[in-house]
N, C-alpha and C. Protein backbone atom coordinates (compact mmCIF):
# COMPACT_ATOMS: atom_id res chain seq x y z
N MET A 1 0.26 -1.14 -0.06
CA MET A 1 0.39 -0.15 -0.29
C MET A 1 0.95 0.92 -0.50
N GLY A 2 1.84 1.34 0.47
CA GLY A 2 3.10 2.09 0.29
C GLY A 2 2.97 2.62 -0.56
N ALA A 3 3.39 1.73 -1.59
CA ALA A 3 3.88 2.20 -2.92
C ALA A 3 2.81 2.38 -3.63
N PRO A 4 2.07 2.25 -3.84
CA PRO A 4 0.50 3.53 -4.82
C PRO A 4 0.43 4.70 -3.92
N ALA A 5 0.63 5.09 -2.33
CA ALA A 5 1.05 6.03 -2.40
C ALA A 5 1.64 7.10 -2.86
N ARG A 6 2.89 6.62 -2.51
CA ARG A 6 4.67 7.57 -3.39
C ARG A 6 3.31 7.44 -5.53
N LEU A 7 3.29 7.00 -6.06
CA LEU A 7 2.83 6.53 -6.94
C LEU A 7 2.10 7.77 -7.35
N ALA A 8 0.31 8.17 -6.28
CA ALA A 8 -0.90 9.55 -5.85
C ALA A 8 0.62 10.77 -6.39
N TRP A 9 1.33 10.49 -5.50
CA TRP A 9 2.13 12.26 -4.42
C TRP A 9 2.97 13.14 -6.50
N PRO A 10 3.85 11.69 -6.83
CA PRO A 10 4.25 12.47 -7.91
C PRO A 10 3.46 12.96 -8.66
N ALA A 11 2.19 11.46 -8.93
CA ALA A 11 1.41 12.76 -10.05
C ALA A 11 0.16 13.91 -9.14
N VAL A 12 0.31 14.22 -8.34
CA VAL A 12 -0.21 15.57 -7.80
C VAL A 12 0.65 16.28 -8.46
N ALA A 13 2.46 16.08 -7.82
CA ALA A 13 2.97 17.32 -8.21
C ALA A 13 3.30 17.44 -9.45
N GLU A 14 3.31 16.64 -10.47
CA GLU A 14 3.36 17.01 -11.92
C GLU A 14 2.57 17.95 -12.16
N GLN A 15 0.65 17.45 -11.52
CA GLN A 15 -0.53 18.32 -12.31
C GLN A 15 0.25 19.78 -11.46
N GLY A 16 0.16 19.74 -10.11
CA GLY A 16 0.50 20.94 -10.05
C GLY A 16 1.77 21.80 -10.90
N SER A 17 2.30 21.56 -11.55
CA SER A 17 3.63 22.30 -12.41
C SER A 17 3.14 22.63 -13.12
N ILE A 18 1.66 21.18 -14.04
CA ILE A 18 1.18 21.57 -15.10
C ILE A 18 0.38 22.25 -15.32
N GLU A 19 -0.51 23.34 -13.62
CA GLU A 19 -1.45 23.95 -14.07
C GLU A 19 -0.85 25.07 -14.07
N GLN A 20 1.04 25.29 -13.18
CA GLN A 20 1.91 26.45 -12.94
C GLN A 20 2.60 26.74 -14.27
N ARG A 21 2.67 25.96 -14.97
CA ARG A 21 2.51 26.03 -16.19
C ARG A 21 1.76 27.30 -18.03
N LYS A 22 0.59 25.99 -17.05
CA LYS A 22 -0.56 27.07 -17.65
C LYS A 22 -0.82 28.39 -17.40
N ASP A 23 -1.25 28.01 -16.44
CA ASP A 23 -1.27 30.06 -15.36
C ASP A 23 0.01 30.43 -16.32
N ASN A 24 1.91 29.87 -16.13
CA ASN A 24 1.97 31.11 -16.58
C ASN A 24 1.75 31.25 -18.88
N ALA A 25 2.45 30.39 -18.59
CA ALA A 25 1.66 30.28 -20.74
C ALA A 25 0.13 31.86 -20.47
N VAL A 26 -0.57 31.66 -19.90
CA VAL A 26 -1.49 32.74 -20.00
C VAL A 26 -0.93 33.91 -20.05
N LEU A 27 -0.39 33.76 -18.80
CA LEU A 27 0.70 35.26 -18.70
C LEU A 27 0.87 35.80 -19.84
N ARG A 28 2.18 34.78 -19.76
CA ARG A 28 2.86 35.42 -21.25
C ARG A 28 1.40 35.73 -22.10
N ALA A 29 1.28 35.19 -22.67
CA ALA A 29 -0.02 35.62 -23.53
C ALA A 29 -1.29 36.97 -23.33
N THR A 30 -1.13 36.96 -22.36
CA THR A 30 -1.80 38.25 -21.59
C THR A 30 -0.62 39.32 -21.96
N GLY A 31 0.15 38.71 -21.74
CA GLY A 31 1.43 40.10 -21.37
C GLY A 31 1.34 40.70 -23.40
N ARG A 32 1.35 39.39 -23.69
CA ARG A 32 1.89 40.07 -25.15
C ARG A 32 0.77 40.64 -25.96
N GLU A 33 -1.00 40.28 -25.53
CA GLU A 33 -1.39 41.12 -26.44
C GLU A 33 -1.75 42.36 -25.57
N GLU A 34 -1.45 42.80 -24.13
CA GLU A 34 -2.00 43.54 -23.73
C GLU A 34 0.00 44.77 -24.79
N VAL A 35 0.34 43.60 -24.49
CA VAL A 35 2.03 45.08 -25.60
C VAL A 35 0.56 44.90 -27.86
N GLU A 36 0.32 44.35 -28.26
CA GLU A 36 -0.30 44.37 -29.42
C GLU A 36 -1.21 45.46 -29.01
N LEU A 37 -1.85 45.09 -28.30
CA LEU A 37 -2.87 45.80 -27.95
C LEU A 37 -2.98 47.95 -27.38
N ARG A 38 -1.97 47.71 -27.37
CA ARG A 38 -1.24 49.38 -26.81
C ARG A 38 -0.41 49.49 -28.14
N HIS A 39 0.56 48.80 -29.06
CA HIS A 39 0.93 49.60 -30.19
C HIS A 39 -0.68 49.80 -30.98
N ALA A 40 -1.72 48.83 -30.96
CA ALA A 40 -2.80 49.41 -31.50
C ALA A 40 -3.06 50.21 -31.40
N LEU A 41 -3.32 50.84 -30.58
CA LEU A 41 -3.99 51.59 -29.94
C LEU A 41 -3.64 52.92 -30.44
N ARG A 42 -1.44 52.50 -30.18
CA ARG A 42 -1.14 53.69 -30.78
C ARG A 42 -1.38 54.19 -32.29
N ARG A 43 -0.75 53.07 -33.39
CA ARG A 43 -1.58 53.42 -34.62
C ARG A 43 -2.74 53.55 -34.42
N PHE A 44 -4.35 53.25 -34.36
CA PHE A 44 -4.55 53.57 -34.55
C PHE A 44 -5.39 55.51 -34.54
N VAL A 45 -4.32 55.89 -33.22
CA VAL A 45 -4.58 57.70 -32.62
C VAL A 45 -3.44 57.54 -33.69
N ASP A 46 -2.33 57.43 -33.87
CA ASP A 46 -1.07 58.37 -33.92
C ASP A 46 -1.99 58.92 -35.43
N GLY A 47 -3.16 57.36 -36.22
CA GLY A 47 -3.52 57.70 -37.74
C GLY A 47 -4.36 59.26 -37.98
N LYS A 48 -5.31 59.31 -36.70
CA LYS A 48 -5.82 59.95 -36.44
C LYS A 48 -5.54 62.24 -35.91
N LEU A 49 -4.78 61.85 -35.57
CA LEU A 49 -3.10 62.58 -34.72
C LEU A 49 -2.07 63.31 -35.27
N ARG A 50 -1.78 64.62 -35.97
CA ARG A 50 -0.71 64.85 -36.03
C ARG A 50 -0.02 65.16 -35.15
N ASP A 51 -0.15 64.65 -34.14
CA ASP A 51 1.03 65.36 -32.91
C ASP A 51 1.01 64.40 -31.89
N ARG A 52 2.54 62.91 -32.35
CA ARG A 52 2.35 62.60 -31.19
C ARG A 52 2.43 62.24 -30.10
N GLN A 53 2.91 63.68 -29.24
CA GLN A 53 2.83 63.63 -27.54
C GLN A 53 1.27 63.63 -27.79
N ASP A 54 0.73 64.25 -28.12
CA ASP A 54 -0.74 64.31 -28.31
C ASP A 54 -1.39 63.07 -27.87
N GLY A 55 -1.31 61.78 -29.05
CA GLY A 55 -1.00 60.54 -29.17
C GLY A 55 -0.43 60.04 -27.99
N GLU A 56 0.36 60.26 -28.18
CA GLU A 56 0.52 59.27 -26.63
C GLU A 56 -0.07 59.64 -24.69
N ASP A 57 -0.56 61.21 -25.24
CA ASP A 57 -1.14 61.22 -24.23
C ASP A 57 -2.69 60.47 -23.90
N ILE A 58 -3.12 60.13 -25.26
CA ILE A 58 -4.45 59.95 -25.30
C ILE A 58 -4.85 58.81 -25.36
N VAL A 59 -3.07 57.58 -25.71
CA VAL A 59 -3.49 56.40 -25.02
C VAL A 59 -3.03 55.71 -23.90
N GLN A 60 -2.46 56.85 -23.04
CA GLN A 60 -2.46 57.19 -21.56
C GLN A 60 -3.69 57.01 -20.85
N GLU A 61 -4.14 57.93 -21.16
CA GLU A 61 -5.86 58.55 -20.56
C GLU A 61 -6.54 57.17 -20.88
N THR A 62 -6.31 56.22 -22.04
CA THR A 62 -6.60 55.45 -22.40
C THR A 62 -7.16 54.59 -21.49
N TYR A 63 -5.80 53.77 -21.19
CA TYR A 63 -5.48 52.89 -19.98
C TYR A 63 -6.01 53.81 -18.66
N VAL A 64 -5.64 54.89 -18.10
CA VAL A 64 -6.73 55.20 -17.33
C VAL A 64 -7.20 54.65 -17.09
N ARG A 65 -8.48 55.22 -18.05
CA ARG A 65 -9.69 55.20 -17.75
C ARG A 65 -10.14 53.52 -18.32
N LEU A 66 -9.27 53.23 -18.65
CA LEU A 66 -10.19 51.62 -18.21
C LEU A 66 -9.69 51.26 -16.34
N TYR A 67 -7.81 50.63 -15.96
CA TYR A 67 -7.90 51.28 -15.17
C TYR A 67 -9.14 51.51 -14.02
N ASP A 68 -9.65 52.54 -14.05
CA ASP A 68 -11.00 52.98 -13.63
C ASP A 68 -12.07 52.85 -13.60
N TYR A 69 -11.87 52.16 -13.77
CA TYR A 69 -13.82 51.48 -14.46
C TYR A 69 -13.31 49.69 -14.11
N ARG A 70 -12.60 49.12 -14.41
CA ARG A 70 -12.02 47.67 -13.91
C ARG A 70 -11.48 47.90 -12.23
N ARG A 71 -12.56 49.09 -11.64
CA ARG A 71 -11.71 49.24 -10.39
C ARG A 71 -13.28 49.09 -9.76
N THR A 72 -14.31 48.61 -10.80
CA THR A 72 -16.09 48.89 -10.03
C THR A 72 -16.50 47.88 -11.20
N ARG A 73 -16.02 46.92 -12.27
CA ARG A 73 -16.22 46.71 -12.81
C ARG A 73 -15.88 45.42 -14.45
N PRO A 74 -16.81 44.68 -14.41
CA PRO A 74 -15.63 43.65 -15.57
C PRO A 74 -16.25 44.12 -16.48
N VAL A 75 -14.83 44.38 -17.41
CA VAL A 75 -14.50 44.18 -18.80
C VAL A 75 -14.56 43.05 -20.16
N ALA A 76 -15.58 43.19 -20.34
CA ALA A 76 -15.47 41.83 -21.23
C ALA A 76 -14.42 41.62 -22.33
N ASP A 77 -14.45 43.20 -23.14
CA ASP A 77 -13.88 42.27 -24.05
C ASP A 77 -13.21 44.83 -23.65
N VAL A 78 -11.40 44.16 -23.10
CA VAL A 78 -10.65 44.74 -23.04
C VAL A 78 -10.46 45.92 -25.21
N GLY A 79 -9.88 44.97 -25.76
CA GLY A 79 -9.90 45.96 -27.09
C GLY A 79 -10.90 46.78 -27.12
N ALA A 80 -12.42 46.36 -27.66
CA ALA A 80 -13.25 47.11 -27.55
C ALA A 80 -13.46 48.03 -26.87
N PHE A 81 -12.94 48.53 -25.82
CA PHE A 81 -13.56 49.46 -23.90
C PHE A 81 -12.23 50.30 -24.58
N CYS A 82 -10.71 49.66 -24.78
CA CYS A 82 -10.19 51.37 -25.24
C CYS A 82 -9.79 51.72 -26.68
N PHE A 83 -10.43 50.79 -27.57
CA PHE A 83 -10.55 51.84 -28.93
C PHE A 83 -11.58 52.94 -29.43
N THR A 84 -12.87 52.30 -27.78
CA THR A 84 -14.27 53.03 -28.06
C THR A 84 -14.08 54.36 -27.28
N VAL A 85 -12.93 54.52 -25.79
CA VAL A 85 -12.64 55.54 -25.04
C VAL A 85 -11.63 56.37 -26.40
N ALA A 86 -10.48 55.52 -26.85
CA ALA A 86 -9.74 56.52 -27.69
C ALA A 86 -10.38 57.06 -28.43
N ARG A 87 -10.99 56.14 -28.81
CA ARG A 87 -11.49 57.15 -30.52
C ARG A 87 -13.16 58.06 -29.96
N ASN A 88 -13.56 58.03 -28.11
CA ASN A 88 -14.21 59.68 -28.44
C ASN A 88 -12.72 60.42 -27.31
N LEU A 89 -11.65 59.73 -26.62
CA LEU A 89 -11.37 60.84 -26.35
C LEU A 89 -10.20 61.47 -27.35
N VAL A 90 -10.14 60.60 -29.52
CA VAL A 90 -9.58 61.55 -30.16
C VAL A 90 -10.80 62.59 -30.83
N ARG A 91 -11.69 62.83 -30.46
CA ARG A 91 -12.90 63.77 -30.87
C ARG A 91 -12.88 64.82 -30.55
N ASP A 92 -12.83 64.07 -28.65
CA ASP A 92 -12.87 65.86 -27.52
C ASP A 92 -11.39 66.52 -27.86
N HIS A 93 -10.51 65.61 -28.53
CA HIS A 93 -9.17 66.23 -28.96
C HIS A 93 -9.24 67.72 -29.80
N PHE A 94 -10.27 67.04 -30.57
CA PHE A 94 -10.32 67.60 -32.24
C PHE A 94 -11.54 68.44 -31.60
N ARG A 95 -12.27 68.91 -30.50
CA ARG A 95 -13.06 69.55 -29.93
C ARG A 95 -13.24 70.87 -29.45
N ARG A 96 -12.27 70.34 -28.71
CA ARG A 96 -11.51 71.35 -27.87
C ARG A 96 -10.27 72.47 -28.45
N ALA A 97 -9.87 72.15 -30.30
CA ALA A 97 -8.86 72.12 -31.03
C ALA A 97 -10.08 73.02 -32.03
N ARG A 98 -11.10 72.92 -32.18
CA ARG A 98 -11.73 73.28 -33.28
C ARG A 98 -12.49 74.28 -32.09
N THR A 99 -12.62 75.36 -31.13
CA THR A 99 -13.18 75.87 -30.59
C THR A 99 -11.90 76.59 -29.15
N ALA A 100 -10.81 76.62 -29.24
CA ALA A 100 -10.42 77.05 -28.53
C ALA A 100 -9.96 78.41 -29.87
N VAL A 101 -9.34 79.39 -29.36
CA VAL A 101 -10.02 80.20 -30.74
C VAL A 101 -7.83 80.80 -29.93
N PRO A 102 -7.24 80.93 -31.41
CA PRO A 102 -5.69 81.39 -30.75
C PRO A 102 -5.84 82.55 -30.98
N ILE A 103 -4.66 83.29 -29.77
CA ILE A 103 -4.73 84.79 -28.97
C ILE A 103 -3.19 85.14 -29.71
N GLU A 104 -3.84 85.99 -30.68
CA GLU A 104 -2.77 86.98 -30.66
C GLU A 104 -2.10 87.82 -30.05
N LEU A 105 -1.23 88.61 -29.92
CA LEU A 105 -1.05 89.06 -28.93
C LEU A 105 -0.29 90.49 -29.52
N HIS A 106 -0.90 91.67 -29.94
CA HIS A 106 -0.46 92.43 -30.41
C HIS A 106 0.31 93.83 -29.53
N GLU A 107 0.96 94.85 -30.07
CA GLU A 107 1.58 95.62 -28.92
C GLU A 107 0.90 96.17 -28.51
N ASP A 108 -0.61 96.59 -28.79
CA ASP A 108 -1.66 97.95 -28.46
C ASP A 108 -2.64 97.64 -26.63
N ILE A 109 -2.27 96.16 -26.78
CA ILE A 109 -2.38 94.91 -25.15
C ILE A 109 -1.52 95.84 -23.96
N ALA A 110 -3.05 96.05 -23.26
CA ALA A 110 -2.81 97.07 -21.94
C ALA A 110 -1.76 96.38 -20.86
N CYS A 111 -1.74 96.18 -20.38
CA CYS A 111 -0.29 95.25 -19.44
C CYS A 111 0.62 95.90 -18.53
N ALA A 112 0.36 95.39 -17.34
CA ALA A 112 0.28 96.39 -16.08
C ALA A 112 1.57 96.73 -16.13
N ARG A 113 3.33 95.57 -16.37
CA ARG A 113 3.94 96.83 -16.18
C ARG A 113 4.32 97.30 -17.54
N PRO A 114 5.57 98.02 -18.12
CA PRO A 114 5.68 99.30 -18.94
C PRO A 114 7.05 97.90 -19.86
N ARG A 115 6.61 98.31 -20.87
CA ARG A 115 7.76 97.45 -22.11
C ARG A 115 9.61 99.21 -21.51
N ALA A 116 10.32 97.51 -21.64
CA ALA A 116 11.62 97.98 -21.43
C ALA A 116 12.14 99.01 -22.19
N ASP A 117 11.60 99.42 -22.93
CA ASP A 117 12.35 100.18 -23.95
C ASP A 117 11.56 102.06 -23.49
N GLU A 118 9.85 101.99 -22.95
CA GLU A 118 9.37 102.84 -21.68
C GLU A 118 10.06 102.92 -20.13
N ILE A 119 10.76 102.39 -20.08
CA ILE A 119 11.12 102.19 -18.48
C ILE A 119 12.75 103.36 -19.23
N LEU A 120 12.58 103.06 -20.54
CA LEU A 120 14.36 103.73 -20.26
C LEU A 120 14.24 105.57 -20.49
N ASP A 121 13.24 105.41 -21.40
CA ASP A 121 12.54 106.85 -22.31
C ASP A 121 12.29 107.28 -20.69
N TYR A 122 11.37 106.74 -20.14
CA TYR A 122 10.63 107.40 -18.21
C TYR A 122 11.84 107.30 -18.08
N ARG A 123 13.23 107.28 -17.56
CA ARG A 123 14.20 107.20 -16.81
C ARG A 123 15.41 108.70 -17.39
N GLN A 124 14.69 108.48 -19.18
CA GLN A 124 16.37 109.16 -19.50
C GLN A 124 15.20 111.03 -19.00
N ARG A 125 13.60 110.64 -19.57
CA ARG A 125 13.09 111.99 -18.48
C ARG A 125 13.80 111.78 -17.56
N VAL A 126 13.84 111.38 -16.78
CA VAL A 126 13.66 111.77 -15.20
C VAL A 126 14.76 112.84 -14.90
N ASP A 127 16.18 112.30 -15.66
CA ASP A 127 17.19 112.45 -16.09
C ASP A 127 17.69 114.43 -15.59
N ILE A 128 16.92 114.41 -17.67
CA ILE A 128 16.68 115.53 -17.62
C ILE A 128 15.99 116.53 -16.45
N LEU A 129 14.87 116.13 -15.99
CA LEU A 129 14.26 117.12 -15.14
C LEU A 129 15.12 117.13 -14.05
N VAL A 130 15.40 116.28 -13.12
CA VAL A 130 16.25 116.56 -11.80
C VAL A 130 17.65 117.42 -11.85
N ARG A 131 18.21 117.50 -13.81
CA ARG A 131 19.13 118.63 -14.29
C ARG A 131 18.72 119.96 -14.47
N ALA A 132 16.88 119.70 -14.68
CA ALA A 132 16.94 121.11 -15.56
C ALA A 132 16.26 121.54 -14.59
N LEU A 133 15.38 120.86 -13.42
CA LEU A 133 15.57 121.90 -11.68
C LEU A 133 16.29 122.44 -10.78
N LYS A 134 17.17 121.32 -11.30
CA LYS A 134 18.37 121.90 -10.45
C LYS A 134 19.01 123.07 -10.60
N VAL A 135 19.08 123.34 -11.87
CA VAL A 135 19.53 125.15 -12.48
C VAL A 135 18.26 125.78 -12.36
N MET A 136 17.54 125.68 -12.09
CA MET A 136 16.14 127.12 -12.30
C MET A 136 16.16 127.61 -11.19
N PRO A 137 15.99 128.91 -11.19
CA PRO A 137 15.90 129.75 -9.64
C PRO A 137 15.35 129.06 -7.88
N PRO A 138 15.87 129.29 -7.96
CA PRO A 138 15.22 128.54 -6.28
C PRO A 138 13.90 128.88 -6.12
N LEU A 139 13.34 130.17 -5.68
CA LEU A 139 12.12 130.63 -5.90
C LEU A 139 11.35 129.20 -6.91
N ARG A 140 11.99 130.05 -8.06
CA ARG A 140 11.05 129.27 -8.99
C ARG A 140 10.26 128.13 -9.01
N ARG A 141 12.09 127.23 -8.27
CA ARG A 141 11.34 125.87 -8.07
C ARG A 141 10.64 125.95 -6.96
N GLU A 142 11.34 126.15 -5.91
CA GLU A 142 10.03 126.31 -4.65
C GLU A 142 8.42 126.36 -5.14
N VAL A 143 8.11 127.40 -5.67
CA VAL A 143 6.84 127.34 -6.28
C VAL A 143 6.27 126.13 -6.98
N PHE A 144 7.17 125.65 -7.70
CA PHE A 144 7.01 124.87 -9.33
C PHE A 144 6.76 123.32 -8.75
N LEU A 145 7.79 123.04 -7.31
CA LEU A 145 7.28 122.04 -6.86
C LEU A 145 5.86 121.63 -5.88
N ARG A 146 5.97 122.75 -4.81
CA ARG A 146 5.13 122.97 -3.52
C ARG A 146 3.55 123.00 -4.52
N ARG A 147 3.51 123.89 -5.60
CA ARG A 147 2.37 123.52 -6.56
C ARG A 147 1.64 122.26 -7.07
N ARG A 148 3.11 121.67 -7.86
CA ARG A 148 2.36 120.65 -8.81
C ARG A 148 2.96 119.54 -8.58
N LEU A 149 4.13 119.36 -8.00
CA LEU A 149 4.81 118.13 -7.16
C LEU A 149 3.84 117.51 -5.81
N ASP A 150 3.69 118.74 -4.94
CA ASP A 150 2.49 118.90 -3.29
C ASP A 150 1.04 119.14 -3.43
N ASN A 151 0.42 119.67 -4.71
CA ASN A 151 -0.04 120.16 -4.59
C ASN A 151 -1.30 120.84 -3.63
N VAL A 152 -0.20 121.90 -2.93
CA VAL A 152 -0.69 122.64 -2.42
C VAL A 152 -1.57 123.92 -3.13
N PRO A 153 -1.96 125.02 -2.28
CA PRO A 153 -3.41 125.92 -3.40
C PRO A 153 -2.55 126.94 -3.54
N SER A 154 -2.70 127.54 -4.57
CA SER A 154 -1.96 128.93 -5.23
C SER A 154 -1.66 129.84 -4.31
N ALA A 155 -2.81 130.02 -3.25
CA ALA A 155 -3.45 130.75 -2.09
C ALA A 155 -3.04 131.29 -1.09
N THR A 156 -2.51 129.04 -0.80
CA THR A 156 -1.04 128.90 -0.07
C THR A 156 0.13 128.83 0.31
N ILE A 157 0.29 129.26 -1.08
CA ILE A 157 2.09 128.92 -1.02
C ILE A 157 1.78 130.54 -1.45
N ALA A 158 1.34 131.14 -2.53
CA ALA A 158 1.19 132.93 -1.88
C ALA A 158 1.17 133.55 -0.74
N ALA A 159 0.75 133.33 0.52
CA ALA A 159 0.52 133.42 1.69
C ALA A 159 1.91 133.39 2.40
N ASP A 160 2.17 131.77 1.46
CA ASP A 160 3.82 131.36 2.68
C ASP A 160 4.81 132.68 1.41
N LEU A 161 4.91 132.38 1.15
CA LEU A 161 6.60 133.33 0.14
C LEU A 161 5.80 134.09 0.25
N ASP A 162 4.74 135.64 0.30
CA ASP A 162 4.43 136.59 0.98
C ASP A 162 4.40 136.54 -0.47
N MET A 163 3.49 136.34 -1.85
CA MET A 163 3.84 137.08 -3.31
C MET A 163 2.29 136.78 -3.47
N SER A 164 1.99 137.51 -4.94
CA SER A 164 0.79 137.70 -5.31
C SER A 164 1.02 135.95 -5.47
N MET A 165 -0.86 135.75 -5.83
CA MET A 165 -1.62 134.07 -6.92
C MET A 165 -0.92 134.37 -8.16
N ALA A 166 -0.84 135.94 -8.68
CA ALA A 166 -0.38 135.40 -9.89
C ALA A 166 1.06 135.64 -10.49
N ALA A 167 2.24 136.21 -9.26
CA ALA A 167 3.45 135.41 -9.18
C ALA A 167 3.69 134.49 -9.09
N VAL A 168 2.43 133.41 -8.04
CA VAL A 168 2.82 132.09 -8.93
C VAL A 168 2.44 131.04 -9.36
N ASP A 169 1.41 131.52 -10.22
CA ASP A 169 0.96 131.47 -11.38
C ASP A 169 2.23 131.59 -11.88
N LYS A 170 2.53 132.80 -12.62
CA LYS A 170 4.07 133.19 -13.83
C LYS A 170 5.08 131.63 -13.07
N HIS A 171 5.67 132.27 -12.09
CA HIS A 171 6.36 130.80 -11.69
C HIS A 171 6.35 129.70 -12.44
N CYS A 172 5.00 129.29 -12.02
CA CYS A 172 5.05 127.41 -12.69
C CYS A 172 4.73 127.33 -13.96
N ALA A 173 4.57 128.81 -14.79
CA ALA A 173 4.39 128.70 -16.16
C ALA A 173 6.17 129.25 -16.87
N ARG A 174 7.06 129.46 -15.77
CA ARG A 174 7.11 129.86 -16.32
C ARG A 174 8.77 128.31 -16.11
N ALA A 175 8.48 128.01 -14.57
CA ALA A 175 9.35 126.45 -14.31
C ALA A 175 8.74 125.74 -15.56
N LEU A 176 7.97 125.55 -16.15
CA LEU A 176 7.08 124.10 -17.05
C LEU A 176 7.65 124.82 -18.65
N ALA A 177 7.63 126.76 -18.52
CA ALA A 177 8.60 126.54 -20.15
C ALA A 177 9.92 126.33 -19.34
N ASP A 178 10.94 126.42 -18.54
CA ASP A 178 12.25 125.77 -18.20
C ASP A 178 12.18 123.92 -18.72
N LEU A 179 11.15 123.15 -18.04
CA LEU A 179 11.44 121.51 -18.77
C LEU A 179 11.12 121.92 -19.70
N ARG A 180 10.12 122.17 -20.40
CA ARG A 180 9.96 121.78 -22.03
C ARG A 180 11.21 122.01 -22.94
N ALA A 181 11.83 123.30 -22.04
CA ALA A 181 13.34 123.81 -23.30
C ALA A 181 14.30 122.93 -22.60
N ALA A 182 14.50 122.10 -21.67
CA ALA A 182 15.74 121.28 -21.33
C ALA A 182 15.40 119.54 -22.36
N LEU A 183 13.77 119.95 -22.51
CA LEU A 183 13.40 117.83 -23.32
C LEU A 183 13.80 118.24 -24.42
N GLU A 184 13.08 119.20 -24.97
CA GLU A 184 13.21 119.87 -26.42
C GLU A 184 15.34 120.09 -26.98
N ARG A 185 15.95 120.18 -25.89
CA ARG A 185 17.07 119.93 -26.67
C ARG A 185 17.56 118.73 -26.10
N ARG A 186 17.38 118.17 -25.41
CA ARG A 186 17.49 116.71 -26.37
C ARG A 186 17.01 116.12 -27.02
N GLY A 187 16.55 116.30 -27.57
CA GLY A 187 15.12 116.26 -28.83
C GLY A 187 13.99 114.79 -28.91
N LEU A 188 13.86 115.85 -26.96
CA LEU A 188 12.38 114.59 -27.22
C LEU A 188 11.38 115.49 -26.73
N PRO A 189 10.31 115.43 -27.54
CA PRO A 189 9.36 116.28 -27.31
C PRO A 189 8.10 115.99 -26.18
N PRO A 190 7.85 117.67 -25.09
CA PRO A 190 7.62 117.11 -24.32
C PRO A 190 5.99 116.44 -24.10
N GLY A 191 6.02 115.69 -23.28
CA GLY A 191 4.55 114.63 -22.47
C GLY A 191 4.05 114.15 -23.91
N ALA A 192 5.31 113.08 -24.32
CA ALA A 192 4.65 112.23 -25.71
C ALA A 192 6.25 111.83 -24.83
N ARG A 193 6.28 110.43 -25.86
CA ARG A 193 6.93 109.01 -25.76
C ARG A 193 8.02 109.72 -26.82
N ALA A 194 9.62 109.16 -26.19
CA ALA A 194 10.64 109.76 -27.30
C ALA A 194 9.41 108.19 -28.87
């Protein structure tokens, strides 16, 4: 009776190894099928699109959706599922491309920051105006700065400096003329961009 038990054991062991070999063969076949499916999806998507990067993105998104779907439900035909998802993603891609309006940038679009050439122009003007203010007679400079920069009323300046309001206005007018002349000597029109 001991011999038949020994014969039964190798038969079971041999049967287990056959099952393992079958499982391994199924896994290899499944891996090959997945690789073939991926290549077929790439050819399908690349045939529809011109951009290989967009095509790769769509194939990746197809697999993400397959994975998400499989988490809650079984998929009877993985190939059909993937091609349907890929086709829909390609349609979505073209729909987005069709509705997306290309934006052309123009020089006259308002921007919160000045351009580099404008900054240089402003700095050049400030330098010219500062030099012109330094050579201006002191009383004229004081009246002009208080009136135009500090927004002090003409009546207050006239009372502080013991002069008439007409004299304050005349000092401001002459200071403006001096500043305009300084800009014009440098070839820059007053109040406009270079």
